[in-house]
Amino acid sequence: MLLKAILEEKKDKGVFDKRTQKSISLDKAINRCQQVDGVRLTDEEAGVIRHLDAMRDAEQHWHLIVEEGILYHNARAAVTLIDDLLQRVFDEVLADHLPVRVLPISAEPPMALDLLVDKEYERISALLKPGRRATAEAKARVRTLLATEAIADADAAEIREDDVRRVTRGIREGKSREQVFPKLTGYTSDVQGEGIGVEVRLVKEGGMPVTYTSEPDIDTAAIRMVDLEKKFYMGAYDLADRAKIPRNPAMALRRHLGLDANDDKFSHLFVLGSQKVLRYSDNALRAMNEAKKIVDLERIWQSHRTIPCNRPQKAPSCDQLGCVAPVE
């Protein structure tokens, strides 16, 4: 609701989907808040929200066990984010609306996210030792860590039992935490203050590379199923409209940035029988929004437009920043 209030305050596209006649989803609200000037929700801030949403969904459909340290960390990170957004957009502080006596507190000193994840991984590993008969409890804790991966990747927000089984198998085989949960490697949190005034913000320090594959090999500890249609949901025209760039210059800018490379970061080619459809992700939209601030779209168009084969002129070479596409 806070994100939707922000979109209304900024007079964005609104919070209702004309096609479904319903309020936009949380994912759409997050994506829009990452694009709107004056808000610019960071990836880490978006991760806090997606993490809480993944935890809620997992608890509704299955069973979670959340350690006190992780529970307090999540609650405090959410409070910090809400306070940051109120100040950033409305020039208000959370204390003006919420008495400090109801803020989350913990008897344990707050710990950074990476330490909490390591400790929980050790608990799960111990529960899965032969003879313990604690697989159900271990899986409940695994779901909590899988929900935590939503911090690093929006596609990890949905928890499937196939994922739980793969993770459990990887832990039983003695895989390291970095192998089983590679997306969490490099993520920690900056904890400042003490008592009620503590602040928790996520920090990314760089992590292990993650490879998406449709055919996992036997050495893979855990694979998260990704809904590609959800990740790559924009067609070329929709991408241009969202970036607020005319469609022809948008095509040239895509070529300039190499967004049509079908690399599963910016774009993915869907094959439906005899039809092939290239669709784009939020990464492509962010790349176009950043590029249009620093390049001359008219010169991009002149260098990367399609020239009819019956015309002898040659396109001028591209002299704009970030060009990755060769000009024929």
Protein backbone atom coordinates (compact mmCIF):
# COMPACT_ATOMS: atom_id res chain seq x y z
CA MET A 1 0.00 0.00 0.00
CA LEU A 2 2.91 2.37 0.68
CA LEU A 3 4.30 1.77 -2.81
CA LYS A 4 0.91 2.46 -4.39
CA ALA A 5 0.55 5.63 -2.31
CA ILE A 6 3.95 6.72 -3.61
CA LEU A 7 2.90 6.08 -7.23
CA GLU A 8 -0.24 8.16 -6.69
CA GLU A 9 1.81 10.94 -5.08
CA LYS A 10 4.20 10.96 -8.03
CA LYS A 11 1.28 10.89 -10.48
CA ASP A 12 2.73 7.88 -12.28
CA LYS A 13 0.56 5.66 -14.49
CA GLY A 14 -1.78 4.95 -11.58
CA VAL A 15 -2.31 1.83 -9.55
CA PHE A 16 -5.05 0.17 -11.58
CA ASP A 17 -4.50 -2.22 -14.48
CA LYS A 18 -6.83 -1.27 -17.33
CA ARG A 19 -6.70 -4.78 -18.75
CA THR A 20 -7.67 -6.67 -15.58
CA GLN A 21 -9.66 -3.81 -14.01
CA LYS A 22 -7.86 -4.53 -10.73
CA SER A 23 -5.16 -2.91 -8.67
CA ILE A 24 -1.64 -3.62 -9.96
CA SER A 25 0.35 -6.46 -8.41
CA LEU A 26 3.15 -6.00 -5.92
CA ASP A 27 5.72 -6.87 -8.59
CA LYS A 28 4.43 -4.14 -10.89
CA ALA A 29 4.39 -1.62 -8.05
CA ILE A 30 8.01 -2.45 -7.23
CA ASN A 31 9.07 -2.20 -10.89
CA ARG A 32 7.38 1.17 -11.33
CA CYS A 33 8.89 2.55 -8.10
CA GLN A 34 12.32 1.57 -9.40
CA GLN A 35 11.74 3.73 -12.49
CA VAL A 36 10.01 6.81 -11.04
CA ASP A 37 12.16 9.88 -10.41
CA GLY A 38 12.24 10.89 -6.77
CA VAL A 39 11.76 7.30 -5.64
CA ARG A 40 14.24 5.12 -7.51
CA LEU A 41 13.79 2.08 -5.31
CA THR A 42 17.15 0.26 -5.30
CA ASP A 43 17.55 -3.45 -6.03
CA GLU A 44 18.39 -4.05 -2.36
CA GLU A 45 15.29 -2.16 -1.18
CA ALA A 46 13.13 -4.07 -3.66
CA GLY A 47 14.69 -7.25 -2.31
CA VAL A 48 13.50 -6.47 1.22
CA ILE A 49 9.91 -6.20 -0.01
CA ARG A 50 10.07 -9.32 -2.18
CA HIS A 51 11.62 -11.27 0.69
CA LEU A 52 8.71 -10.43 3.02
CA ASP A 53 6.21 -11.29 0.27
CA ALA A 54 7.91 -14.65 -0.36
CA MET A 55 7.86 -15.43 3.37
CA ARG A 56 4.16 -14.61 3.59
CA ASP A 57 3.28 -16.77 0.58
CA ALA A 58 5.38 -19.69 1.83
CA GLU A 59 3.73 -19.56 5.25
CA GLN A 60 0.26 -19.49 3.71
CA HIS A 61 0.84 -22.55 1.52
CA TRP A 62 3.34 -24.60 3.52
CA HIS A 63 5.12 -24.44 6.85
CA LEU A 64 8.06 -22.24 7.85
CA ILE A 65 10.37 -22.18 10.83
CA VAL A 66 11.95 -18.75 11.22
CA GLU A 67 14.72 -18.30 13.75
CA GLU A 68 14.47 -15.32 16.09
CA GLY A 69 17.51 -13.65 14.54
CA ILE A 70 16.16 -13.86 10.97
CA LEU A 71 12.67 -12.78 12.08
CA TYR A 72 14.03 -9.70 13.84
CA HIS A 73 16.34 -8.89 10.93
CA ASN A 74 13.43 -9.01 8.45
CA ALA A 75 11.14 -6.91 10.65
CA ARG A 76 13.79 -4.31 11.34
CA ALA A 77 14.84 -4.09 7.68
CA ALA A 78 11.19 -3.47 6.75
CA VAL A 79 10.84 -0.73 9.37
CA THR A 80 14.04 0.93 8.14
CA LEU A 81 12.85 0.79 4.52
CA ILE A 82 9.43 2.26 5.36
CA ASP A 83 11.11 5.10 7.25
CA ASP A 84 13.51 5.74 4.35
CA LEU A 85 10.68 5.86 1.79
CA LEU A 86 8.53 8.16 3.93
CA GLN A 87 11.40 10.61 4.23
CA ARG A 88 12.41 10.32 0.57
CA VAL A 89 8.95 10.85 -0.92
CA PHE A 90 6.76 12.53 1.70
CA ASP A 91 9.39 14.29 3.85
CA GLU A 92 8.02 12.53 6.92
CA VAL A 93 9.44 10.09 9.45
CA LEU A 94 7.86 6.88 10.68
CA ALA A 95 7.96 8.11 14.28
CA ASP A 96 5.34 10.72 13.33
CA HIS A 97 2.85 7.92 12.64
CA LEU A 98 3.95 5.00 14.81
CA PRO A 99 4.80 5.07 18.54
CA VAL A 100 8.32 3.82 19.19
CA ARG A 101 7.04 1.41 21.84
CA VAL A 102 5.52 -0.84 19.15
CA LEU A 103 8.66 -1.13 17.04
CA PRO A 104 10.27 -4.60 16.89
CA ILE A 105 12.91 -5.35 19.51
CA SER A 106 14.95 -8.46 20.23
CA ALA A 107 16.67 -9.89 23.29
CA GLU A 108 19.57 -10.90 21.04
CA PRO A 109 21.97 -8.39 19.47
CA PRO A 110 21.19 -7.92 15.75
CA MET A 111 23.41 -9.84 13.35
CA ALA A 112 24.27 -9.30 9.69
CA LEU A 113 22.32 -11.30 7.11
CA ASP A 114 25.26 -13.43 5.93
CA LEU A 115 25.99 -14.59 9.49
CA LEU A 116 22.32 -15.42 10.08
CA VAL A 117 22.16 -17.45 6.87
CA ASP A 118 25.36 -19.34 7.73
CA LYS A 119 24.06 -20.22 11.20
CA GLU A 120 20.73 -21.40 9.82
CA TYR A 121 22.47 -23.49 7.16
CA GLU A 122 24.47 -25.24 9.90
CA ARG A 123 21.25 -25.99 11.82
CA ILE A 124 19.63 -27.49 8.72
CA SER A 125 22.72 -29.57 7.98
CA ALA A 126 22.65 -30.96 11.53
CA LEU A 127 18.93 -31.80 11.26
CA LEU A 128 19.56 -33.78 8.07
CA LYS A 129 22.23 -36.01 9.59
CA PRO A 130 21.42 -39.76 9.44
CA GLY A 131 19.29 -40.91 12.35
CA ARG A 132 17.91 -37.48 13.30
CA ARG A 133 14.46 -38.00 11.73
CA ALA A 134 14.02 -34.23 11.48
CA THR A 135 13.52 -33.84 7.74
CA ALA A 136 10.20 -32.02 8.13
CA GLU A 137 11.76 -29.39 10.39
CA ALA A 138 14.76 -29.09 8.08
CA LYS A 139 12.52 -28.48 5.06
CA ALA A 140 10.57 -25.83 6.98
CA ARG A 141 13.86 -24.01 7.58
CA VAL A 142 14.95 -24.54 3.96
CA ARG A 143 11.80 -22.73 2.80
CA THR A 144 12.83 -19.73 4.92
CA LEU A 145 16.24 -19.58 3.22
CA LEU A 146 14.68 -20.05 -0.21
CA ALA A 147 12.40 -17.09 0.54
CA THR A 148 15.51 -15.12 1.49
CA GLU A 149 16.83 -15.59 -2.06
CA ALA A 150 14.13 -13.14 -3.19
CA ILE A 151 16.46 -10.46 -1.83
CA ALA A 152 18.88 -11.16 -4.67
CA ASP A 153 16.54 -12.26 -7.46
CA ALA A 154 12.94 -11.35 -8.20
CA ASP A 155 12.47 -14.71 -9.95
CA ALA A 156 13.20 -16.52 -6.68
CA ALA A 157 10.14 -15.08 -4.95
CA GLU A 158 8.08 -18.22 -5.65
CA ILE A 159 9.03 -21.27 -3.61
CA ARG A 160 8.36 -24.69 -5.14
CA GLU A 161 8.65 -28.02 -3.41
CA ASP A 162 10.98 -29.18 -6.20
CA ASP A 163 13.35 -26.46 -5.03
CA VAL A 164 13.04 -27.59 -1.42
CA ARG A 165 13.86 -31.19 -2.37
CA ARG A 166 16.87 -30.15 -4.47
CA VAL A 167 18.26 -27.99 -1.68
CA THR A 168 17.72 -30.74 0.88
CA ARG A 169 19.51 -33.23 -1.34
CA GLY A 170 22.40 -30.81 -1.87
CA ILE A 171 22.84 -30.28 1.88
CA ARG A 172 22.74 -34.02 2.55
CA GLU A 173 25.48 -34.48 -0.04
CA GLY A 174 27.69 -32.10 1.92
CA LYS A 175 27.54 -29.14 -0.45
CA SER A 176 28.65 -25.79 0.94
CA ARG A 177 26.24 -22.96 1.59
CA GLU A 178 27.74 -21.02 -1.33
CA GLN A 179 27.00 -23.93 -3.67
CA VAL A 180 23.43 -24.48 -2.49
CA PHE A 181 22.46 -20.81 -2.17
CA PRO A 182 24.79 -19.00 -4.61
CA LYS A 183 22.46 -16.02 -5.00
CA LEU A 184 22.85 -15.11 -1.32
CA THR A 185 26.64 -15.05 -1.54
CA GLY A 186 27.83 -11.47 -1.32
CA TYR A 187 24.69 -10.16 0.39
CA THR A 188 24.93 -8.90 3.94
CA SER A 189 23.33 -6.10 5.94
CA ASP A 190 24.56 -2.88 7.47
CA VAL A 191 23.35 -2.76 11.07
CA GLN A 192 23.64 0.60 12.81
CA GLY A 193 22.38 1.96 16.12
CA GLU A 194 21.05 0.00 19.06
CA GLY A 195 17.80 -0.80 20.83
CA ILE A 196 14.70 0.73 19.28
CA GLY A 197 16.83 3.04 17.14
CA VAL A 198 18.64 0.26 15.26
CA GLU A 199 18.64 0.48 11.45
CA VAL A 200 19.08 -2.49 9.10
CA ARG A 201 19.83 -2.02 5.39
CA LEU A 202 20.82 -4.66 2.87
CA VAL A 203 24.23 -4.33 1.24
CA LYS A 204 25.56 -6.18 -1.81
CA GLU A 205 29.28 -6.88 -1.76
CA GLY A 206 29.49 -8.99 -4.95
CA GLY A 207 28.94 -12.72 -5.06
CA MET A 208 29.46 -15.92 -6.96
CA PRO A 209 28.30 -15.98 -10.58
CA VAL A 210 24.95 -17.66 -11.18
CA THR A 211 24.27 -19.51 -14.41
CA TYR A 212 20.76 -20.16 -15.75
CA THR A 213 20.43 -23.51 -17.48
CA SER A 214 17.64 -25.67 -18.82
CA GLU A 215 19.68 -28.86 -18.34
CA PRO A 216 21.31 -28.89 -14.87
CA ASP A 217 24.31 -31.19 -14.55
CA ILE A 218 24.86 -33.64 -11.73
CA ASP A 219 27.18 -31.26 -9.86
CA THR A 220 24.50 -28.64 -9.43
CA ALA A 221 23.44 -28.39 -5.80
CA ALA A 222 20.21 -26.46 -6.29
CA ILE A 223 18.33 -25.04 -9.26
CA ARG A 224 15.52 -22.50 -8.90
CA MET A 225 12.77 -22.85 -11.46
CA VAL A 226 12.31 -19.54 -13.30
CA ASP A 227 9.10 -18.46 -15.02
CA LEU A 228 10.59 -16.95 -18.17
CA GLU A 229 7.27 -15.50 -19.32
CA LYS A 230 7.09 -13.58 -16.07
CA LYS A 231 10.66 -12.31 -16.33
CA PHE A 232 10.55 -11.43 -20.04
CA TYR A 233 7.10 -9.89 -20.28
CA MET A 234 7.58 -6.91 -22.62
CA GLY A 235 7.42 -6.89 -26.38
CA ALA A 236 9.45 -4.40 -28.43
CA TYR A 237 6.63 -1.85 -28.64
CA ASP A 238 5.79 -2.17 -24.95
CA LEU A 239 9.47 -1.70 -24.07
CA ALA A 240 9.63 1.47 -26.18
CA ASP A 241 6.44 2.85 -24.66
CA ARG A 242 7.58 2.19 -21.10
CA ALA A 243 10.94 3.85 -21.81
CA LYS A 244 9.04 6.79 -23.36
CA ILE A 245 11.06 6.58 -26.57
CA PRO A 246 9.51 6.60 -30.06
CA ARG A 247 9.46 3.09 -31.48
CA ASN A 248 11.94 3.56 -34.33
CA PRO A 249 14.59 5.26 -32.17
CA ALA A 250 13.91 2.60 -29.51
CA MET A 251 14.75 -0.11 -32.05
CA ALA A 252 18.02 1.68 -32.85
CA LEU A 253 18.83 2.05 -29.16
CA ARG A 254 18.22 -1.68 -28.61
CA ARG A 255 20.74 -2.43 -31.36
CA HIS A 256 23.16 0.12 -29.90
CA LEU A 257 23.01 -1.54 -26.46
CA GLY A 258 22.84 -5.13 -27.75
CA LEU A 259 19.53 -5.81 -26.01
CA ASP A 260 18.37 -8.24 -28.74
CA ALA A 261 21.16 -10.72 -28.03
CA ASN A 262 18.83 -13.36 -26.48
CA ASP A 263 21.20 -13.58 -23.49
CA ASP A 264 18.56 -14.30 -20.82
CA LYS A 265 19.48 -11.06 -19.09
CA PHE A 266 17.93 -8.45 -21.34
CA SER A 267 15.95 -10.60 -23.76
CA HIS A 268 14.73 -14.14 -24.40
CA LEU A 269 13.53 -15.71 -27.66
CA PHE A 270 10.31 -17.67 -27.20
CA VAL A 271 9.67 -20.30 -29.87
CA LEU A 272 5.98 -21.14 -30.31
CA GLY A 273 5.71 -23.62 -33.13
CA SER A 274 6.72 -21.76 -36.29
CA GLN A 275 6.65 -18.39 -34.51
CA LYS A 276 9.61 -16.78 -32.79
CA VAL A 277 8.97 -13.91 -30.39
CA LEU A 278 11.70 -11.87 -28.69
CA ARG A 279 10.64 -10.39 -25.36
CA TYR A 280 12.42 -8.18 -22.86
CA SER A 281 12.98 -7.96 -19.11
CA ASP A 282 13.15 -5.09 -16.62
CA ASN A 283 16.93 -5.17 -17.11
CA ALA A 284 16.41 -4.00 -20.69
CA LEU A 285 14.08 -1.22 -19.57
CA ARG A 286 16.59 -0.01 -16.99
CA ALA A 287 19.39 -0.08 -19.57
CA MET A 288 17.35 2.03 -22.01
CA ASN A 289 16.31 4.52 -19.34
CA GLU A 290 19.92 4.99 -18.28
CA ALA A 291 21.22 5.21 -21.84
CA LYS A 292 18.76 7.86 -23.03
CA LYS A 293 20.17 10.24 -20.40
CA ILE A 294 23.68 10.20 -21.88
CA VAL A 295 23.32 9.53 -25.62
CA ASP A 296 21.94 11.45 -28.57
CA LEU A 297 18.97 9.40 -29.79
CA GLU A 298 19.00 11.10 -33.19
CA ARG A 299 22.63 10.06 -33.80
CA ILE A 300 21.84 6.57 -32.50
CA TRP A 301 19.00 6.38 -35.02
CA GLN A 302 21.21 7.54 -37.90
CA SER A 303 23.86 4.91 -37.08
CA HIS A 304 21.65 1.92 -36.30
CA ARG A 305 18.54 2.37 -38.43
CA THR A 306 17.72 -0.14 -41.14
CA ILE A 307 18.74 1.14 -44.59
CA PRO A 308 16.85 -0.33 -47.58
CA CYS A 309 19.02 -2.57 -49.74
CA ASN A 310 18.20 -0.54 -52.88
CA ARG A 311 19.79 2.59 -51.45
CA PRO A 312 23.55 3.01 -51.83
CA GLN A 313 24.21 5.25 -48.82
CA LYS A 314 25.97 3.85 -45.82
CA ALA A 315 25.08 4.50 -42.20
CA PRO A 316 27.57 6.70 -40.32
CA SER A 317 29.63 4.97 -37.66
CA CYS A 318 28.30 5.24 -34.12
CA ASP A 319 30.23 7.58 -31.83
CA GLN A 320 27.88 7.35 -28.82
CA LEU A 321 28.77 5.76 -25.48
CA GLY A 322 27.97 2.11 -24.88
CA CYS A 323 27.76 0.94 -28.48
CA VAL A 324 28.13 -2.84 -28.73
CA ALA A 325 26.52 -3.49 -32.12
CA PRO A 326 28.65 -3.33 -35.29
CA VAL A 327 27.30 -1.18 -38.09
CA GLU A 328 27.16 -2.92 -41.44
